[in-house]
Amino acid sequence: MKCEYNDGMKVNYSGSLRVTKGDEVNLYIAEDFIPANVKGFLSKAESEHSCEELGKIAKIVTATVGSKVCIHE
């Protein structure tokens, strides 16, 4: 699921999570490294086709782990 927001943020969740926003945010977390509780919220937002919820989750994840992060194998 891909969503774009008025503030320039872009979120792509397809198992892995990618969040970008100009030069401010560049976050990537591979599917295997997303905590189960967060993955549950992401999957729920995806199944409901809710860009609003996906954006909220992306902002929380970015605030928690940082704005320039790459977590993968």
PDB file of N, CA and C in Angstrom:
ATOM      1  N   MET A   1       0.848  -1.167   0.000  1.00  0.00           N
ATOM      2  CA  MET A   1       0.000   0.000   0.000  1.00  0.00           C
ATOM      3  C   MET A   1       0.896   1.233   0.000  1.00  0.00           C
ATOM      4  N   LYS A   2       0.633   2.143  -0.900  1.00  0.00           N
ATOM      5  CA  LYS A   2       1.397   3.384  -0.985  1.00  0.00           C
ATOM      6  C   LYS A   2       0.482   4.565  -0.715  1.00  0.00           C
ATOM      7  N   CYS A   3       0.967   5.490   0.077  1.00  0.00           N
ATOM      8  CA  CYS A   3       0.204   6.694   0.384  1.00  0.00           C
ATOM      9  C   CYS A   3       1.129   7.906   0.310  1.00  0.00           C
ATOM     10  N   GLU A   4       0.601   9.005  -0.198  1.00  0.00           N
ATOM     11  CA  GLU A   4       1.316  10.280  -0.225  1.00  0.00           C
ATOM     12  C   GLU A   4       0.476  11.308   0.517  1.00  0.00           C
ATOM     13  N   TYR A   5       1.162  12.209   1.219  1.00  0.00           N
ATOM     14  CA  TYR A   5       0.486  13.171   2.083  1.00  0.00           C
ATOM     15  C   TYR A   5       0.831  14.595   1.666  1.00  0.00           C
ATOM     16  N   ASN A   6      -0.025  15.522   2.059  1.00  0.00           N
ATOM     17  CA  ASN A   6       0.130  16.930   1.687  1.00  0.00           C
ATOM     18  C   ASN A   6       1.453  17.536   2.165  1.00  0.00           C
ATOM     19  N   ASP A   7       2.003  17.014   3.255  1.00  0.00           N
ATOM     20  CA  ASP A   7       3.250  17.571   3.791  1.00  0.00           C
ATOM     21  C   ASP A   7       4.486  17.009   3.091  1.00  0.00           C
ATOM     22  N   GLY A   8       4.279  16.151   2.077  1.00  0.00           N
ATOM     23  CA  GLY A   8       5.395  15.583   1.327  1.00  0.00           C
ATOM     24  C   GLY A   8       5.827  14.201   1.787  1.00  0.00           C
ATOM     25  N   MET A   9       5.235  13.720   2.874  1.00  0.00           N
ATOM     26  CA  MET A   9       5.582  12.390   3.357  1.00  0.00           C
ATOM     27  C   MET A   9       5.004  11.337   2.416  1.00  0.00           C
ATOM     28  N   LYS A  10       5.790  10.276   2.195  1.00  0.00           N
ATOM     29  CA  LYS A  10       5.346   9.135   1.401  1.00  0.00           C
ATOM     30  C   LYS A  10       5.584   7.880   2.217  1.00  0.00           C
ATOM     31  N   VAL A  11       4.586   7.002   2.240  1.00  0.00           N
ATOM     32  CA  VAL A  11       4.689   5.751   2.985  1.00  0.00           C
ATOM     33  C   VAL A  11       4.377   4.609   2.032  1.00  0.00           C
ATOM     34  N   ASN A  12       5.240   3.600   2.080  1.00  0.00           N
ATOM     35  CA  ASN A  12       5.022   2.400   1.291  1.00  0.00           C
ATOM     36  C   ASN A  12       5.133   1.222   2.246  1.00  0.00           C
ATOM     37  N   TYR A  13       4.020   0.511   2.421  1.00  0.00           N
ATOM     38  CA  TYR A  13       4.024  -0.679   3.264  1.00  0.00           C
ATOM     39  C   TYR A  13       3.601  -1.867   2.419  1.00  0.00           C
ATOM     40  N   SER A  14       4.544  -2.777   2.231  1.00  0.00           N
ATOM     41  CA  SER A  14       4.266  -3.997   1.471  1.00  0.00           C
ATOM     42  C   SER A  14       4.980  -5.160   2.154  1.00  0.00           C
ATOM     43  N   GLY A  15       4.790  -5.242   3.457  1.00  0.00           N
ATOM     44  CA  GLY A  15       5.547  -6.188   4.275  1.00  0.00           C
ATOM     45  C   GLY A  15       6.701  -5.467   4.932  1.00  0.00           C
ATOM     46  N   SER A  16       7.522  -4.821   4.121  1.00  0.00           N
ATOM     47  CA  SER A  16       8.554  -3.906   4.617  1.00  0.00           C
ATOM     48  C   SER A  16       7.942  -2.512   4.678  1.00  0.00           C
ATOM     49  N   LEU A  17       8.558  -1.648   5.450  1.00  0.00           N
ATOM     50  CA  LEU A  17       8.050  -0.288   5.602  1.00  0.00           C
ATOM     51  C   LEU A  17       9.091   0.706   5.119  1.00  0.00           C
ATOM     52  N   ARG A  18       8.678   1.613   4.230  1.00  0.00           N
ATOM     53  CA  ARG A  18       9.532   2.699   3.758  1.00  0.00           C
ATOM     54  C   ARG A  18       8.765   3.998   3.973  1.00  0.00           C
ATOM     55  N   VAL A  19       9.432   4.950   4.620  1.00  0.00           N
ATOM     56  CA  VAL A  19       8.858   6.278   4.854  1.00  0.00           C
ATOM     57  C   VAL A  19       9.874   7.302   4.362  1.00  0.00           C
ATOM     58  N   THR A  20       9.436   8.216   3.521  1.00  0.00           N
ATOM     59  CA  THR A  20      10.305   9.296   3.054  1.00  0.00           C
ATOM     60  C   THR A  20       9.561  10.622   3.157  1.00  0.00           C
ATOM     61  N   LYS A  21      10.348  11.669   3.296  1.00  0.00           N
ATOM     62  CA  LYS A  21       9.805  13.030   3.300  1.00  0.00           C
ATOM     63  C   LYS A  21      10.954  13.971   2.974  1.00  0.00           C
ATOM     64  N   GLY A  22      11.094  14.270   1.678  1.00  0.00           N
ATOM     65  CA  GLY A  22      12.179  15.134   1.232  1.00  0.00           C
ATOM     66  C   GLY A  22      13.518  14.652   1.761  1.00  0.00           C
ATOM     67  N   ASP A  23      14.323  15.592   2.276  1.00  0.00           N
ATOM     68  CA  ASP A  23      15.610  15.242   2.873  1.00  0.00           C
ATOM     69  C   ASP A  23      15.493  14.971   4.367  1.00  0.00           C
ATOM     70  N   GLU A  24      14.300  15.191   4.926  1.00  0.00           N
ATOM     71  CA  GLU A  24      14.103  15.061   6.368  1.00  0.00           C
ATOM     72  C   GLU A  24      14.005  13.614   6.840  1.00  0.00           C
ATOM     73  N   VAL A  25      13.296  12.783   6.075  1.00  0.00           N
ATOM     74  CA  VAL A  25      13.016  11.420   6.513  1.00  0.00           C
ATOM     75  C   VAL A  25      13.380  10.436   5.414  1.00  0.00           C
ATOM     76  N   ASN A  26      14.134   9.422   5.795  1.00  0.00           N
ATOM     77  CA  ASN A  26      14.445   8.312   4.899  1.00  0.00           C
ATOM     78  C   ASN A  26      14.570   7.076   5.783  1.00  0.00           C
ATOM     79  N   LEU A  27      13.462   6.370   5.949  1.00  0.00           N
ATOM     80  CA  LEU A  27      13.397   5.243   6.864  1.00  0.00           C
ATOM     81  C   LEU A  27      13.000   3.988   6.098  1.00  0.00           C
ATOM     82  N   TYR A  28      13.711   2.900   6.353  1.00  0.00           N
ATOM     83  CA  TYR A  28      13.359   1.608   5.767  1.00  0.00           C
ATOM     84  C   TYR A  28      13.537   0.546   6.839  1.00  0.00           C
ATOM     85  N   ILE A  29      12.497  -0.271   7.029  1.00  0.00           N
ATOM     86  CA  ILE A  29      12.576  -1.392   7.957  1.00  0.00           C
ATOM     87  C   ILE A  29      12.086  -2.633   7.217  1.00  0.00           C
ATOM     88  N   ALA A  30      12.960  -3.622   7.093  1.00  0.00           N
ATOM     89  CA  ALA A  30      12.595  -4.875   6.442  1.00  0.00           C
ATOM     90  C   ALA A  30      11.523  -5.590   7.261  1.00  0.00           C
ATOM     91  N   GLU A  31      10.715  -6.348   6.572  1.00  0.00           N
ATOM     92  CA  GLU A  31       9.565  -7.028   7.181  1.00  0.00           C
ATOM     93  C   GLU A  31       9.933  -7.814   8.442  1.00  0.00           C
ATOM     94  N   ASP A  32      11.028  -8.537   8.407  1.00  0.00           N
ATOM     95  CA  ASP A  32      11.419  -9.381   9.537  1.00  0.00           C
ATOM     96  C   ASP A  32      11.834  -8.595  10.779  1.00  0.00           C
ATOM     97  N   PHE A  33      12.054  -7.303  10.639  1.00  0.00           N
ATOM     98  CA  PHE A  33      12.528  -6.489  11.757  1.00  0.00           C
ATOM     99  C   PHE A  33      11.450  -5.555  12.322  1.00  0.00           C
ATOM    100  N   ILE A  34      10.255  -5.622  11.768  1.00  0.00           N
ATOM    101  CA  ILE A  34       9.147  -4.822  12.295  1.00  0.00           C
ATOM    102  C   ILE A  34       8.544  -5.594  13.463  1.00  0.00           C
ATOM    103  N   PRO A  35       8.455  -4.975  14.648  1.00  0.00           N
ATOM    104  CA  PRO A  35       7.873  -5.671  15.799  1.00  0.00           C
ATOM    105  C   PRO A  35       6.441  -6.127  15.492  1.00  0.00           C
ATOM    106  N   ALA A  36       6.068  -7.264  16.064  1.00  0.00           N
ATOM    107  CA  ALA A  36       4.763  -7.871  15.783  1.00  0.00           C
ATOM    108  C   ALA A  36       3.597  -6.920  16.054  1.00  0.00           C
ATOM    109  N   ASN A  37       3.661  -6.159  17.147  1.00  0.00           N
ATOM    110  CA  ASN A  37       2.547  -5.255  17.451  1.00  0.00           C
ATOM    111  C   ASN A  37       2.432  -4.146  16.406  1.00  0.00           C
ATOM    112  N   VAL A  38       3.554  -3.625  15.939  1.00  0.00           N
ATOM    113  CA  VAL A  38       3.549  -2.583  14.909  1.00  0.00           C
ATOM    114  C   VAL A  38       3.070  -3.176  13.590  1.00  0.00           C
ATOM    115  N   LYS A  39       3.541  -4.379  13.275  1.00  0.00           N
ATOM    116  CA  LYS A  39       3.124  -5.050  12.043  1.00  0.00           C
ATOM    117  C   LYS A  39       1.607  -5.254  12.043  1.00  0.00           C
ATOM    118  N   GLY A  40       1.046  -5.567  13.203  1.00  0.00           N
ATOM    119  CA  GLY A  40      -0.403  -5.735  13.313  1.00  0.00           C
ATOM    120  C   GLY A  40      -1.144  -4.455  12.968  1.00  0.00           C
ATOM    121  N   PHE A  41      -0.670  -3.329  13.479  1.00  0.00           N
ATOM    122  CA  PHE A  41      -1.304  -2.035  13.169  1.00  0.00           C
ATOM    123  C   PHE A  41      -1.160  -1.690  11.692  1.00  0.00           C
ATOM    124  N   LEU A  42       0.029  -1.958  11.132  1.00  0.00           N
ATOM    125  CA  LEU A  42       0.259  -1.684   9.712  1.00  0.00           C
ATOM    126  C   LEU A  42      -0.655  -2.550   8.839  1.00  0.00           C
ATOM    127  N   SER A  43      -0.775  -3.815   9.180  1.00  0.00           N
ATOM    128  CA  SER A  43      -1.624  -4.727   8.407  1.00  0.00           C
ATOM    129  C   SER A  43      -3.085  -4.317   8.492  1.00  0.00           C
ATOM    130  N   LYS A  44      -3.506  -3.879   9.662  1.00  0.00           N
ATOM    131  CA  LYS A  44      -4.891  -3.429   9.824  1.00  0.00           C
ATOM    132  C   LYS A  44      -5.155  -2.195   8.961  1.00  0.00           C
ATOM    133  N   ALA A  45      -4.235  -1.230   8.985  1.00  0.00           N
ATOM    134  CA  ALA A  45      -4.393  -0.027   8.159  1.00  0.00           C
ATOM    135  C   ALA A  45      -4.441  -0.405   6.682  1.00  0.00           C
ATOM    136  N   GLU A  46      -3.592  -1.355   6.297  1.00  0.00           N
ATOM    137  CA  GLU A  46      -3.553  -1.801   4.903  1.00  0.00           C
ATOM    138  C   GLU A  46      -4.865  -2.484   4.513  1.00  0.00           C
ATOM    139  N   SER A  47      -5.374  -3.363   5.368  1.00  0.00           N
ATOM    140  CA  SER A  47      -6.606  -4.083   5.041  1.00  0.00           C
ATOM    141  C   SER A  47      -7.807  -3.149   4.973  1.00  0.00           C
ATOM    142  N   GLU A  48      -7.749  -2.046   5.712  1.00  0.00           N
ATOM    143  CA  GLU A  48      -8.829  -1.057   5.695  1.00  0.00           C
ATOM    144  C   GLU A  48      -8.583   0.033   4.654  1.00  0.00           C
ATOM    145  N   HIS A  49      -7.464  -0.067   3.929  1.00  0.00           N
ATOM    146  CA  HIS A  49      -7.076   0.942   2.930  1.00  0.00           C
ATOM    147  C   HIS A  49      -7.110   2.345   3.525  1.00  0.00           C
ATOM    148  N   SER A  50      -6.545   2.461   4.733  1.00  0.00           N
ATOM    149  CA  SER A  50      -6.578   3.724   5.470  1.00  0.00           C
ATOM    150  C   SER A  50      -5.216   4.419   5.434  1.00  0.00           C
ATOM    151  N   CYS A  51      -5.080   5.357   4.517  1.00  0.00           N
ATOM    152  CA  CYS A  51      -3.845   6.146   4.465  1.00  0.00           C
ATOM    153  C   CYS A  51      -3.700   7.005   5.718  1.00  0.00           C
ATOM    154  N   GLU A  52      -4.809   7.408   6.299  1.00  0.00           N
ATOM    155  CA  GLU A  52      -4.754   8.208   7.519  1.00  0.00           C
ATOM    156  C   GLU A  52      -4.083   7.414   8.646  1.00  0.00           C
ATOM    157  N   GLU A  53      -4.511   6.183   8.866  1.00  0.00           N
ATOM    158  CA  GLU A  53      -3.918   5.347   9.901  1.00  0.00           C
ATOM    159  C   GLU A  53      -2.479   4.983   9.577  1.00  0.00           C
ATOM    160  N   LEU A  54      -2.210   4.664   8.320  1.00  0.00           N
ATOM    161  CA  LEU A  54      -0.844   4.321   7.906  1.00  0.00           C
ATOM    162  C   LEU A  54       0.105   5.487   8.181  1.00  0.00           C
ATOM    163  N   GLY A  55      -0.354   6.702   7.909  1.00  0.00           N
ATOM    164  CA  GLY A  55       0.455   7.893   8.171  1.00  0.00           C
ATOM    165  C   GLY A  55       0.721   8.099   9.647  1.00  0.00           C
ATOM    166  N   LYS A  56      -0.285   7.859  10.481  1.00  0.00           N
ATOM    167  CA  LYS A  56      -0.109   7.992  11.929  1.00  0.00           C
ATOM    168  C   LYS A  56       0.939   7.003  12.434  1.00  0.00           C
ATOM    169  N   ILE A  57       0.844   5.763  11.972  1.00  0.00           N
ATOM    170  CA  ILE A  57       1.793   4.733  12.397  1.00  0.00           C
ATOM    171  C   ILE A  57       3.198   5.088  11.922  1.00  0.00           C
ATOM    172  N   ALA A  58       3.318   5.543  10.688  1.00  0.00           N
ATOM    173  CA  ALA A  58       4.627   5.913  10.143  1.00  0.00           C
ATOM    174  C   ALA A  58       5.257   7.043  10.958  1.00  0.00           C
ATOM    175  N   LYS A  59       4.471   8.010  11.372  1.00  0.00           N
ATOM    176  CA  LYS A  59       4.999   9.108  12.177  1.00  0.00           C
ATOM    177  C   LYS A  59       5.465   8.619  13.545  1.00  0.00           C
ATOM    178  N   ILE A  60       4.727   7.685  14.140  1.00  0.00           N
ATOM    179  CA  ILE A  60       5.120   7.134  15.440  1.00  0.00           C
ATOM    180  C   ILE A  60       6.414   6.341  15.301  1.00  0.00           C
ATOM    181  N   VAL A  61       6.498   5.510  14.271  1.00  0.00           N
ATOM    182  CA  VAL A  61       7.714   4.715  14.051  1.00  0.00           C
ATOM    183  C   VAL A  61       8.913   5.632  13.820  1.00  0.00           C
ATOM    184  N   THR A  62       8.727   6.660  12.999  1.00  0.00           N
ATOM    185  CA  THR A  62       9.815   7.602  12.714  1.00  0.00           C
ATOM    186  C   THR A  62      10.256   8.325  13.987  1.00  0.00           C
ATOM    187  N   ALA A  63       9.300   8.736  14.804  1.00  0.00           N
ATOM    188  CA  ALA A  63       9.638   9.418  16.058  1.00  0.00           C
ATOM    189  C   ALA A  63      10.347   8.472  17.028  1.00  0.00           C
ATOM    190  N   THR A  64      10.036   7.193  16.954  1.00  0.00           N
ATOM    191  CA  THR A  64      10.611   6.215  17.883  1.00  0.00           C
ATOM    192  C   THR A  64      12.015   5.773  17.487  1.00  0.00           C
ATOM    193  N   VAL A  65      12.204   5.434  16.202  1.00  0.00           N
ATOM    194  CA  VAL A  65      13.496   4.871  15.790  1.00  0.00           C
ATOM    195  C   VAL A  65      14.401   5.879  15.094  1.00  0.00           C
ATOM    196  N   GLY A  66      13.850   6.996  14.671  1.00  0.00           N
ATOM    197  CA  GLY A  66      14.652   8.027  14.011  1.00  0.00           C
ATOM    198  C   GLY A  66      14.207   8.256  12.594  1.00  0.00           C
ATOM    199  N   SER A  67      14.666   9.350  12.018  1.00  0.00           N
ATOM    200  CA  SER A  67      14.205   9.743  10.691  1.00  0.00           C
ATOM    201  C   SER A  67      15.102   9.253   9.553  1.00  0.00           C
ATOM    202  N   LYS A  68      16.305   8.802   9.892  1.00  0.00           N
ATOM    203  CA  LYS A  68      17.223   8.280   8.870  1.00  0.00           C
ATOM    204  C   LYS A  68      17.723   6.923   9.343  1.00  0.00           C
ATOM    205  N   VAL A  69      16.953   5.888   8.982  1.00  0.00           N
ATOM    206  CA  VAL A  69      17.205   4.559   9.498  1.00  0.00           C
ATOM    207  C   VAL A  69      17.039   3.537   8.378  1.00  0.00           C
ATOM    208  N   CYS A  70      17.906   2.539   8.381  1.00  0.00           N
ATOM    209  CA  CYS A  70      17.779   1.405   7.458  1.00  0.00           C
ATOM    210  C   CYS A  70      18.033   0.146   8.279  1.00  0.00           C
ATOM    211  N   ILE A  71      16.972  -0.638   8.497  1.00  0.00           N
ATOM    212  CA  ILE A  71      17.087  -1.855   9.298  1.00  0.00           C
ATOM    213  C   ILE A  71      16.736  -3.032   8.392  1.00  0.00           C
ATOM    214  N   HIS A  72      17.742  -3.855   8.124  1.00  0.00           N
ATOM    215  CA  HIS A  72      17.546  -5.025   7.264  1.00  0.00           C
ATOM    216  C   HIS A  72      18.612  -6.050   7.591  1.00  0.00           C
ATOM    217  N   GLU A  73      18.556  -7.180   6.912  1.00  0.00           N
ATOM    218  CA  GLU A  73      19.538  -8.248   7.145  1.00  0.00           C
ATOM    219  C   GLU A  73      20.917  -7.827   6.720  1.00  0.00           C
TER     220      GLU A  73
END
